[in-house]
Amino acid sequence: MHTTTHNAAHPAAQAELCLSQLVLEAQDFTESLRTVLRACHAIAALAAGATNPHATVNMDGLGELLHLHSDAMEQRLDAIGVRIDALRTATGARDTSDRARHLAMDATDQHTHMRQAQLAFEAVADMAPCAADTLTGENLAAALRVLADAMAERTAAMDDMLDALHAVLVQEGQPA
């Protein structure tokens, strides 16, 4: 019986959050998000010519493509959010500095802003097929660029916060 209890406790100890690792994983997902955002700029280039009568891409196809990229953004943001939530919870429960706790809270706020930008991108994806008669490809392209740039700025800010948080955790000697 003692062995069973000991063995059951061992995985629990292994499952304890490793703060530095969570930060690094979140950064991996922000890098993956950057790749999606680069693809969004390529879609914006396609959109610029979508209303041209000789275009091989139409607004319906762009809408589908935009939804795929919106879904990819959402998946990455979900993964980032899980890690940020775990970091926020763990920095509150562990013996970490106020700086670490504040950075984790700031990352949570930044994640909320990133989620709002993704929802705006999704709204444009919904709108594209419906507005084919009134929306020019150039206007759609401009909207996509603005949204992708806004998300890229938020992603860069998130990376800066995660870098700072990682440095604080390493300095405090948190397990890596």
N, C-alpha and C. Protein backbone atom coordinates (compact mmCIF):
# COMPACT_ATOMS: atom_id res chain seq x y z
N MET A 1 0.82 -1.19 0.00
CA MET A 1 0.00 0.00 0.00
C MET A 1 0.87 1.25 0.00
N HIS A 2 1.93 1.22 0.78
CA HIS A 2 2.83 2.36 0.82
C HIS A 2 3.46 2.62 -0.56
N THR A 3 3.81 1.56 -1.26
CA THR A 3 4.39 1.69 -2.59
C THR A 3 3.42 2.36 -3.56
N THR A 4 2.16 1.96 -3.50
CA THR A 4 1.15 2.55 -4.38
C THR A 4 1.02 4.04 -4.12
N THR A 5 0.98 4.42 -2.85
CA THR A 5 0.87 5.84 -2.50
C THR A 5 2.10 6.59 -2.97
N HIS A 6 3.26 6.02 -2.75
CA HIS A 6 4.50 6.65 -3.18
C HIS A 6 4.54 6.81 -4.71
N ASN A 7 4.17 5.75 -5.42
CA ASN A 7 4.16 5.81 -6.88
C ASN A 7 3.14 6.80 -7.40
N ALA A 8 2.01 6.92 -6.74
CA ALA A 8 0.98 7.87 -7.16
C ALA A 8 1.45 9.30 -6.92
N ALA A 9 2.22 9.51 -5.88
CA ALA A 9 2.69 10.86 -5.57
C ALA A 9 3.81 11.28 -6.52
N HIS A 10 4.58 10.34 -7.02
CA HIS A 10 5.71 10.67 -7.89
C HIS A 10 5.28 11.40 -9.16
N PRO A 11 4.26 10.91 -9.93
CA PRO A 11 3.83 11.66 -11.11
C PRO A 11 3.32 13.05 -10.75
N ALA A 12 2.69 13.18 -9.58
CA ALA A 12 2.20 14.49 -9.17
C ALA A 12 3.37 15.44 -8.98
N ALA A 13 4.44 14.93 -8.40
CA ALA A 13 5.62 15.77 -8.22
C ALA A 13 6.23 16.14 -9.56
N GLN A 14 6.24 15.20 -10.49
CA GLN A 14 6.78 15.47 -11.82
C GLN A 14 5.92 16.46 -12.58
N ALA A 15 4.63 16.46 -12.30
CA ALA A 15 3.70 17.32 -13.01
C ALA A 15 3.74 18.76 -12.51
N GLU A 16 4.48 19.00 -11.42
CA GLU A 16 4.57 20.36 -10.89
C GLU A 16 5.06 21.29 -12.00
N LEU A 17 4.46 22.44 -12.04
CA LEU A 17 4.77 23.38 -13.11
C LEU A 17 6.23 23.83 -13.08
N CYS A 18 6.84 23.82 -14.19
CA CYS A 18 8.18 24.34 -14.37
C CYS A 18 8.02 25.69 -15.08
N LEU A 19 8.19 26.77 -14.34
CA LEU A 19 7.87 28.09 -14.87
C LEU A 19 8.68 28.46 -16.10
N SER A 20 9.98 28.23 -16.04
CA SER A 20 10.82 28.59 -17.18
C SER A 20 10.41 27.82 -18.44
N GLN A 21 10.07 26.55 -18.26
CA GLN A 21 9.64 25.73 -19.40
C GLN A 21 8.33 26.26 -19.98
N LEU A 22 7.40 26.67 -19.12
CA LEU A 22 6.14 27.25 -19.60
C LEU A 22 6.39 28.51 -20.43
N VAL A 23 7.31 29.34 -19.98
CA VAL A 23 7.65 30.56 -20.71
C VAL A 23 8.20 30.19 -22.09
N LEU A 24 9.12 29.24 -22.13
CA LEU A 24 9.72 28.83 -23.40
C LEU A 24 8.68 28.24 -24.35
N GLU A 25 7.75 27.46 -23.81
CA GLU A 25 6.70 26.89 -24.65
C GLU A 25 5.79 27.99 -25.21
N ALA A 26 5.46 28.96 -24.37
CA ALA A 26 4.64 30.08 -24.85
C ALA A 26 5.37 30.83 -25.96
N GLN A 27 6.67 31.00 -25.81
CA GLN A 27 7.45 31.67 -26.85
C GLN A 27 7.47 30.86 -28.15
N ASP A 28 7.51 29.55 -28.04
CA ASP A 28 7.44 28.72 -29.25
C ASP A 28 6.13 28.97 -29.99
N PHE A 29 5.04 29.10 -29.24
CA PHE A 29 3.75 29.34 -29.89
C PHE A 29 3.65 30.76 -30.45
N THR A 30 4.33 31.73 -29.82
CA THR A 30 4.31 33.07 -30.42
C THR A 30 5.10 33.07 -31.73
N GLU A 31 6.15 32.28 -31.78
CA GLU A 31 6.91 32.17 -33.04
C GLU A 31 6.05 31.51 -34.11
N SER A 32 5.31 30.49 -33.74
CA SER A 32 4.41 29.83 -34.68
C SER A 32 3.33 30.81 -35.15
N LEU A 33 2.86 31.65 -34.24
CA LEU A 33 1.87 32.66 -34.60
C LEU A 33 2.45 33.65 -35.61
N ARG A 34 3.72 33.99 -35.45
CA ARG A 34 4.37 34.89 -36.41
C ARG A 34 4.35 34.29 -37.82
N THR A 35 4.52 32.99 -37.92
CA THR A 35 4.48 32.32 -39.23
C THR A 35 3.10 32.48 -39.85
N VAL A 36 2.06 32.29 -39.04
CA VAL A 36 0.68 32.47 -39.52
C VAL A 36 0.48 33.90 -39.98
N LEU A 37 1.03 34.86 -39.26
CA LEU A 37 0.86 36.27 -39.62
C LEU A 37 1.57 36.61 -40.92
N ARG A 38 2.71 35.99 -41.16
CA ARG A 38 3.39 36.19 -42.45
C ARG A 38 2.52 35.66 -43.58
N ALA A 39 1.86 34.54 -43.36
CA ALA A 39 0.94 34.00 -44.36
C ALA A 39 -0.24 34.94 -44.57
N CYS A 40 -0.67 35.61 -43.52
CA CYS A 40 -1.79 36.57 -43.65
C CYS A 40 -1.41 37.73 -44.56
N HIS A 41 -0.16 38.14 -44.51
CA HIS A 41 0.30 39.19 -45.42
C HIS A 41 0.26 38.68 -46.87
N ALA A 42 0.57 37.43 -47.07
CA ALA A 42 0.48 36.86 -48.42
C ALA A 42 -0.97 36.82 -48.88
N ILE A 43 -1.88 36.51 -47.98
CA ILE A 43 -3.30 36.51 -48.33
C ILE A 43 -3.75 37.92 -48.69
N ALA A 44 -3.23 38.91 -47.97
CA ALA A 44 -3.57 40.30 -48.29
C ALA A 44 -3.14 40.64 -49.71
N ALA A 45 -2.00 40.13 -50.12
CA ALA A 45 -1.54 40.37 -51.50
C ALA A 45 -2.50 39.71 -52.50
N LEU A 46 -2.97 38.51 -52.16
CA LEU A 46 -3.97 37.87 -53.02
C LEU A 46 -5.27 38.67 -53.06
N ALA A 47 -5.66 39.16 -51.90
CA ALA A 47 -6.92 39.91 -51.81
C ALA A 47 -6.90 41.17 -52.67
N ALA A 48 -5.75 41.79 -52.78
CA ALA A 48 -5.65 43.03 -53.56
C ALA A 48 -6.11 42.82 -54.99
N GLY A 49 -5.93 41.64 -55.53
CA GLY A 49 -6.35 41.37 -56.90
C GLY A 49 -7.61 40.54 -57.03
N ALA A 50 -8.26 40.25 -55.91
CA ALA A 50 -9.41 39.34 -55.93
C ALA A 50 -10.61 39.89 -56.69
N THR A 51 -10.76 41.19 -56.75
CA THR A 51 -11.92 41.74 -57.46
C THR A 51 -11.60 42.03 -58.92
N ASN A 52 -10.42 41.75 -59.33
CA ASN A 52 -10.05 41.87 -60.74
C ASN A 52 -10.80 40.79 -61.51
N PRO A 53 -11.44 41.14 -62.63
CA PRO A 53 -12.23 40.14 -63.37
C PRO A 53 -11.41 38.92 -63.83
N HIS A 54 -10.12 39.08 -63.97
CA HIS A 54 -9.27 37.97 -64.41
C HIS A 54 -8.61 37.23 -63.25
N ALA A 55 -8.99 37.56 -62.04
CA ALA A 55 -8.37 36.94 -60.86
C ALA A 55 -8.74 35.46 -60.77
N THR A 56 -7.81 34.69 -60.28
CA THR A 56 -8.08 33.26 -60.07
C THR A 56 -8.61 32.99 -58.68
N VAL A 57 -8.62 34.02 -57.83
CA VAL A 57 -9.14 33.91 -56.48
C VAL A 57 -10.35 34.82 -56.37
N ASN A 58 -11.43 34.29 -55.79
CA ASN A 58 -12.59 35.15 -55.57
C ASN A 58 -12.78 35.39 -54.08
N MET A 59 -13.77 36.21 -53.74
CA MET A 59 -13.98 36.57 -52.34
C MET A 59 -14.43 35.36 -51.51
N ASP A 60 -15.17 34.43 -52.09
CA ASP A 60 -15.56 33.23 -51.34
C ASP A 60 -14.33 32.42 -50.97
N GLY A 61 -13.46 32.24 -51.94
CA GLY A 61 -12.22 31.50 -51.67
C GLY A 61 -11.35 32.20 -50.65
N LEU A 62 -11.28 33.53 -50.74
CA LEU A 62 -10.51 34.28 -49.75
C LEU A 62 -11.11 34.13 -48.36
N GLY A 63 -12.44 34.16 -48.31
CA GLY A 63 -13.10 33.98 -47.01
C GLY A 63 -12.73 32.64 -46.38
N GLU A 64 -12.73 31.59 -47.18
CA GLU A 64 -12.35 30.27 -46.66
C GLU A 64 -10.90 30.25 -46.21
N LEU A 65 -10.04 30.84 -47.01
CA LEU A 65 -8.62 30.90 -46.66
C LEU A 65 -8.40 31.71 -45.39
N LEU A 66 -9.13 32.80 -45.26
CA LEU A 66 -9.02 33.63 -44.06
C LEU A 66 -9.51 32.88 -42.82
N HIS A 67 -10.57 32.10 -42.98
CA HIS A 67 -11.06 31.31 -41.85
C HIS A 67 -10.04 30.27 -41.42
N LEU A 68 -9.36 29.65 -42.37
CA LEU A 68 -8.31 28.69 -42.02
C LEU A 68 -7.21 29.35 -41.21
N HIS A 69 -6.82 30.56 -41.62
CA HIS A 69 -5.76 31.26 -40.90
C HIS A 69 -6.25 31.79 -39.55
N SER A 70 -7.51 32.18 -39.50
CA SER A 70 -8.09 32.60 -38.23
C SER A 70 -8.10 31.43 -37.25
N ASP A 71 -8.46 30.26 -37.74
CA ASP A 71 -8.44 29.06 -36.90
C ASP A 71 -7.02 28.74 -36.43
N ALA A 72 -6.05 28.90 -37.31
CA ALA A 72 -4.65 28.66 -36.93
C ALA A 72 -4.21 29.65 -35.85
N MET A 73 -4.61 30.91 -36.00
CA MET A 73 -4.30 31.90 -34.97
C MET A 73 -4.94 31.51 -33.64
N GLU A 74 -6.20 31.11 -33.72
CA GLU A 74 -6.94 30.75 -32.51
C GLU A 74 -6.28 29.58 -31.79
N GLN A 75 -5.83 28.58 -32.54
CA GLN A 75 -5.16 27.43 -31.92
C GLN A 75 -3.90 27.86 -31.18
N ARG A 76 -3.13 28.72 -31.81
CA ARG A 76 -1.89 29.18 -31.18
C ARG A 76 -2.19 30.05 -29.96
N LEU A 77 -3.21 30.90 -30.09
CA LEU A 77 -3.59 31.73 -28.95
C LEU A 77 -4.13 30.89 -27.79
N ASP A 78 -4.85 29.84 -28.11
CA ASP A 78 -5.32 28.93 -27.06
C ASP A 78 -4.13 28.32 -26.32
N ALA A 79 -3.14 27.86 -27.07
CA ALA A 79 -1.95 27.25 -26.47
C ALA A 79 -1.18 28.27 -25.63
N ILE A 80 -1.05 29.48 -26.15
CA ILE A 80 -0.36 30.54 -25.39
C ILE A 80 -1.16 30.82 -24.12
N GLY A 81 -2.47 30.91 -24.25
CA GLY A 81 -3.32 31.23 -23.11
C GLY A 81 -3.22 30.21 -21.99
N VAL A 82 -3.17 28.94 -22.35
CA VAL A 82 -3.03 27.88 -21.34
C VAL A 82 -1.73 28.08 -20.56
N ARG A 83 -0.66 28.39 -21.25
CA ARG A 83 0.63 28.56 -20.59
C ARG A 83 0.67 29.84 -19.76
N ILE A 84 0.08 30.91 -20.28
CA ILE A 84 0.05 32.17 -19.54
C ILE A 84 -0.79 32.01 -18.28
N ASP A 85 -1.93 31.34 -18.39
CA ASP A 85 -2.76 31.10 -17.20
C ASP A 85 -2.00 30.29 -16.16
N ALA A 86 -1.30 29.26 -16.62
CA ALA A 86 -0.51 28.44 -15.69
C ALA A 86 0.60 29.27 -15.05
N LEU A 87 1.24 30.13 -15.83
CA LEU A 87 2.29 31.00 -15.28
C LEU A 87 1.72 31.96 -14.25
N ARG A 88 0.59 32.56 -14.58
CA ARG A 88 -0.04 33.51 -13.66
C ARG A 88 -0.40 32.81 -12.34
N THR A 89 -0.99 31.64 -12.45
CA THR A 89 -1.37 30.89 -11.25
C THR A 89 -0.14 30.48 -10.46
N ALA A 90 0.86 29.97 -11.14
CA ALA A 90 2.07 29.48 -10.46
C ALA A 90 2.87 30.61 -9.83
N THR A 91 2.97 31.74 -10.49
CA THR A 91 3.73 32.85 -9.90
C THR A 91 3.02 33.41 -8.68
N GLY A 92 1.71 33.28 -8.64
CA GLY A 92 0.96 33.71 -7.47
C GLY A 92 1.12 32.75 -6.30
N ALA A 93 1.28 31.47 -6.61
CA ALA A 93 1.35 30.43 -5.58
C ALA A 93 2.77 30.18 -5.09
N ARG A 94 3.76 30.48 -5.92
CA ARG A 94 5.15 30.19 -5.56
C ARG A 94 5.81 31.41 -4.95
N ASP A 95 6.99 31.17 -4.48
CA ASP A 95 7.80 32.25 -3.91
C ASP A 95 8.52 32.95 -5.05
N THR A 96 7.79 33.80 -5.75
CA THR A 96 8.37 34.56 -6.85
C THR A 96 8.27 36.04 -6.51
N SER A 97 9.02 36.83 -7.22
CA SER A 97 9.02 38.27 -6.96
C SER A 97 7.75 38.93 -7.48
N ASP A 98 7.53 40.15 -7.00
CA ASP A 98 6.42 40.93 -7.52
C ASP A 98 6.59 41.16 -9.02
N ARG A 99 7.82 41.32 -9.44
CA ARG A 99 8.11 41.56 -10.86
C ARG A 99 7.61 40.38 -11.70
N ALA A 100 7.87 39.16 -11.27
CA ALA A 100 7.41 37.98 -12.00
C ALA A 100 5.89 37.94 -12.05
N ARG A 101 5.26 38.23 -10.92
CA ARG A 101 3.78 38.22 -10.90
C ARG A 101 3.21 39.30 -11.81
N HIS A 102 3.81 40.48 -11.79
CA HIS A 102 3.33 41.57 -12.66
C HIS A 102 3.53 41.24 -14.14
N LEU A 103 4.65 40.66 -14.47
CA LEU A 103 4.88 40.26 -15.86
C LEU A 103 3.88 39.21 -16.32
N ALA A 104 3.59 38.26 -15.44
CA ALA A 104 2.59 37.24 -15.79
C ALA A 104 1.22 37.87 -15.98
N MET A 105 0.86 38.83 -15.16
CA MET A 105 -0.43 39.53 -15.31
C MET A 105 -0.44 40.37 -16.60
N ASP A 106 0.68 41.04 -16.89
CA ASP A 106 0.77 41.82 -18.13
C ASP A 106 0.65 40.92 -19.35
N ALA A 107 1.24 39.74 -19.27
CA ALA A 107 1.13 38.78 -20.39
C ALA A 107 -0.32 38.34 -20.56
N THR A 108 -1.03 38.19 -19.46
CA THR A 108 -2.46 37.85 -19.55
C THR A 108 -3.23 38.96 -20.26
N ASP A 109 -2.95 40.20 -19.90
CA ASP A 109 -3.61 41.33 -20.57
C ASP A 109 -3.26 41.37 -22.06
N GLN A 110 -1.99 41.15 -22.36
CA GLN A 110 -1.57 41.16 -23.76
C GLN A 110 -2.27 40.04 -24.54
N HIS A 111 -2.41 38.90 -23.91
CA HIS A 111 -3.09 37.77 -24.55
C HIS A 111 -4.54 38.15 -24.87
N THR A 112 -5.19 38.87 -23.97
CA THR A 112 -6.57 39.32 -24.20
C THR A 112 -6.62 40.22 -25.43
N HIS A 113 -5.66 41.13 -25.55
CA HIS A 113 -5.62 42.01 -26.73
C HIS A 113 -5.36 41.22 -28.01
N MET A 114 -4.51 40.22 -27.92
CA MET A 114 -4.23 39.38 -29.09
C MET A 114 -5.48 38.62 -29.50
N ARG A 115 -6.22 38.15 -28.52
CA ARG A 115 -7.47 37.43 -28.81
C ARG A 115 -8.47 38.36 -29.50
N GLN A 116 -8.53 39.61 -29.08
CA GLN A 116 -9.44 40.57 -29.72
C GLN A 116 -9.04 40.83 -31.17
N ALA A 117 -7.76 40.91 -31.43
CA ALA A 117 -7.29 41.09 -32.81
C ALA A 117 -7.64 39.88 -33.66
N GLN A 118 -7.52 38.68 -33.08
CA GLN A 118 -7.89 37.46 -33.81
C GLN A 118 -9.39 37.45 -34.12
N LEU A 119 -10.20 37.90 -33.19
CA LEU A 119 -11.65 37.96 -33.42
C LEU A 119 -11.99 38.98 -34.52
N ALA A 120 -11.26 40.07 -34.57
CA ALA A 120 -11.45 41.05 -35.65
C ALA A 120 -11.08 40.43 -36.99
N PHE A 121 -10.00 39.67 -37.00
CA PHE A 121 -9.59 38.97 -38.22
C PHE A 121 -10.68 37.99 -38.65
N GLU A 122 -11.25 37.28 -37.69
CA GLU A 122 -12.32 36.34 -37.99
C GLU A 122 -13.55 37.06 -38.56
N ALA A 123 -13.84 38.24 -38.04
CA ALA A 123 -14.96 39.02 -38.54
C ALA A 123 -14.74 39.43 -40.00
N VAL A 124 -13.51 39.79 -40.33
CA VAL A 124 -13.20 40.13 -41.72
C VAL A 124 -13.36 38.89 -42.60
N ALA A 125 -12.96 37.74 -42.09
CA ALA A 125 -13.12 36.49 -42.85
C ALA A 125 -14.60 36.21 -43.10
N ASP A 126 -15.44 36.48 -42.11
CA ASP A 126 -16.89 36.30 -42.27
C ASP A 126 -17.45 37.28 -43.29
N MET A 127 -16.92 38.47 -43.28
CA MET A 127 -17.44 39.54 -44.11
C MET A 127 -17.04 39.40 -45.59
N ALA A 128 -15.88 38.88 -45.85
CA ALA A 128 -15.34 38.87 -47.22
C ALA A 128 -16.30 38.29 -48.26
N PRO A 129 -16.86 37.11 -48.09
CA PRO A 129 -17.74 36.59 -49.13
C PRO A 129 -19.05 37.39 -49.27
N CYS A 130 -19.53 37.93 -48.16
CA CYS A 130 -20.80 38.67 -48.18
C CYS A 130 -20.66 40.03 -48.82
N ALA A 131 -19.48 40.59 -48.76
CA ALA A 131 -19.27 41.95 -49.24
C ALA A 131 -18.59 42.00 -50.60
N ALA A 132 -18.66 40.91 -51.34
CA ALA A 132 -17.95 40.84 -52.62
C ALA A 132 -18.40 41.94 -53.59
N ASP A 133 -19.65 42.35 -53.49
CA ASP A 133 -20.15 43.39 -54.40
C ASP A 133 -19.77 44.80 -53.97
N THR A 134 -19.49 44.98 -52.69
CA THR A 134 -19.23 46.33 -52.19
C THR A 134 -17.80 46.55 -51.71
N LEU A 135 -17.08 45.50 -51.46
CA LEU A 135 -15.72 45.61 -50.93
C LEU A 135 -14.72 45.35 -52.04
N THR A 136 -13.80 46.27 -52.20
CA THR A 136 -12.77 46.05 -53.22
C THR A 136 -11.67 45.18 -52.62
N GLY A 137 -10.97 44.50 -53.50
CA GLY A 137 -9.86 43.68 -53.05
C GLY A 137 -8.79 44.51 -52.36
N GLU A 138 -8.60 45.74 -52.84
CA GLU A 138 -7.60 46.62 -52.23
C GLU A 138 -7.99 46.99 -50.81
N ASN A 139 -9.29 47.25 -50.59
CA ASN A 139 -9.74 47.59 -49.23
C ASN A 139 -9.62 46.38 -48.30
N LEU A 140 -9.97 45.22 -48.80
CA LEU A 140 -9.82 44.00 -48.01
C LEU A 140 -8.36 43.78 -47.67
N ALA A 141 -7.49 43.96 -48.65
CA ALA A 141 -6.05 43.79 -48.42
C ALA A 141 -5.56 44.76 -47.36
N ALA A 142 -6.02 46.00 -47.42
CA ALA A 142 -5.60 46.99 -46.43
C ALA A 142 -6.07 46.59 -45.03
N ALA A 143 -7.30 46.12 -44.92
CA ALA A 143 -7.82 45.69 -43.62
C ALA A 143 -7.01 44.51 -43.08
N LEU A 144 -6.68 43.57 -43.94
CA LEU A 144 -5.91 42.40 -43.51
C LEU A 144 -4.52 42.80 -43.05
N ARG A 145 -3.91 43.73 -43.77
CA ARG A 145 -2.57 44.18 -43.37
C ARG A 145 -2.60 44.87 -42.01
N VAL A 146 -3.61 45.72 -41.81
CA VAL A 146 -3.74 46.42 -40.53
C VAL A 146 -3.91 45.41 -39.39
N LEU A 147 -4.77 44.42 -39.59
CA LEU A 147 -5.01 43.42 -38.56
C LEU A 147 -3.77 42.56 -38.31
N ALA A 148 -3.12 42.13 -39.37
CA ALA A 148 -1.91 41.31 -39.21
C ALA A 148 -0.80 42.11 -38.53
N ASP A 149 -0.67 43.39 -38.89
CA ASP A 149 0.35 44.22 -38.25
C ASP A 149 0.03 44.45 -36.77
N ALA A 150 -1.25 44.66 -36.46
CA ALA A 150 -1.64 44.84 -35.06
C ALA A 150 -1.34 43.59 -34.26
N MET A 151 -1.65 42.44 -34.83
CA MET A 151 -1.38 41.18 -34.13
C MET A 151 0.13 40.98 -34.00
N ALA A 152 0.90 41.35 -35.02
CA ALA A 152 2.36 41.20 -34.96
C ALA A 152 2.94 42.10 -33.85
N GLU A 153 2.40 43.31 -33.71
CA GLU A 153 2.87 44.20 -32.64
C GLU A 153 2.56 43.60 -31.27
N ARG A 154 1.36 43.05 -31.12
CA ARG A 154 0.98 42.42 -29.85
C ARG A 154 1.84 41.20 -29.58
N THR A 155 2.16 40.45 -30.63
CA THR A 155 2.99 39.26 -30.48
C THR A 155 4.40 39.66 -30.06
N ALA A 156 4.93 40.72 -30.65
CA ALA A 156 6.26 41.20 -30.26
C ALA A 156 6.26 41.66 -28.81
N ALA A 157 5.20 42.36 -28.40
CA ALA A 157 5.10 42.80 -27.00
C ALA A 157 5.03 41.59 -26.07
N MET A 158 4.28 40.57 -26.49
CA MET A 158 4.18 39.35 -25.68
C MET A 158 5.56 38.69 -25.55
N ASP A 159 6.29 38.62 -26.65
CA ASP A 159 7.63 38.04 -26.61
C ASP A 159 8.53 38.80 -25.64
N ASP A 160 8.45 40.14 -25.69
CA ASP A 160 9.26 40.95 -24.77
C ASP A 160 8.90 40.65 -23.32
N MET A 161 7.60 40.52 -23.03
CA MET A 161 7.18 40.20 -21.67
C MET A 161 7.67 38.81 -21.26
N LEU A 162 7.56 37.86 -22.18
CA LEU A 162 8.00 36.50 -21.87
C LEU A 162 9.51 36.45 -21.68
N ASP A 163 10.27 37.21 -22.48
CA ASP A 163 11.72 37.28 -22.29
C ASP A 163 12.05 37.83 -20.91
N ALA A 164 11.36 38.91 -20.54
CA ALA A 164 11.60 39.52 -19.23
C ALA A 164 11.22 38.56 -18.10
N LEU A 165 10.10 37.89 -18.26
CA LEU A 165 9.66 36.92 -17.24
C LEU A 165 10.66 35.78 -17.11
N HIS A 166 11.13 35.27 -18.24
CA HIS A 166 12.11 34.19 -18.21
C HIS A 166 13.37 34.64 -17.48
N ALA A 167 13.84 35.85 -17.78
CA ALA A 167 15.04 36.37 -17.13
C ALA A 167 14.84 36.49 -15.62
N VAL A 168 13.68 36.98 -15.20
CA VAL A 168 13.40 37.11 -13.76
C VAL A 168 13.37 35.73 -13.11
N LEU A 169 12.72 34.78 -13.75
CA LEU A 169 12.63 33.43 -13.17
C LEU A 169 14.00 32.77 -13.05
N VAL A 170 14.81 32.93 -14.08
CA VAL A 170 16.17 32.37 -14.03
C VAL A 170 16.98 33.05 -12.93
N GLN A 171 16.84 34.36 -12.83
CA GLN A 171 17.57 35.12 -11.79
C GLN A 171 17.13 34.68 -10.39
N GLU A 172 15.85 34.38 -10.24
CA GLU A 172 15.34 33.94 -8.93
C GLU A 172 15.65 32.48 -8.65
N GLY A 173 16.19 31.78 -9.65
CA GLY A 173 16.54 30.38 -9.45
C GLY A 173 15.36 29.43 -9.51
N GLN A 174 14.29 29.83 -10.22
CA GLN A 174 13.16 28.93 -10.39
C GLN A 174 13.60 27.73 -11.22
N PRO A 175 13.06 26.56 -10.96
CA PRO A 175 13.49 25.38 -11.71
C PRO A 175 13.27 25.54 -13.21
N ALA A 176 14.28 25.13 -13.95
CA ALA A 176 14.19 25.25 -15.42
C ALA A 176 13.72 23.97 -16.05
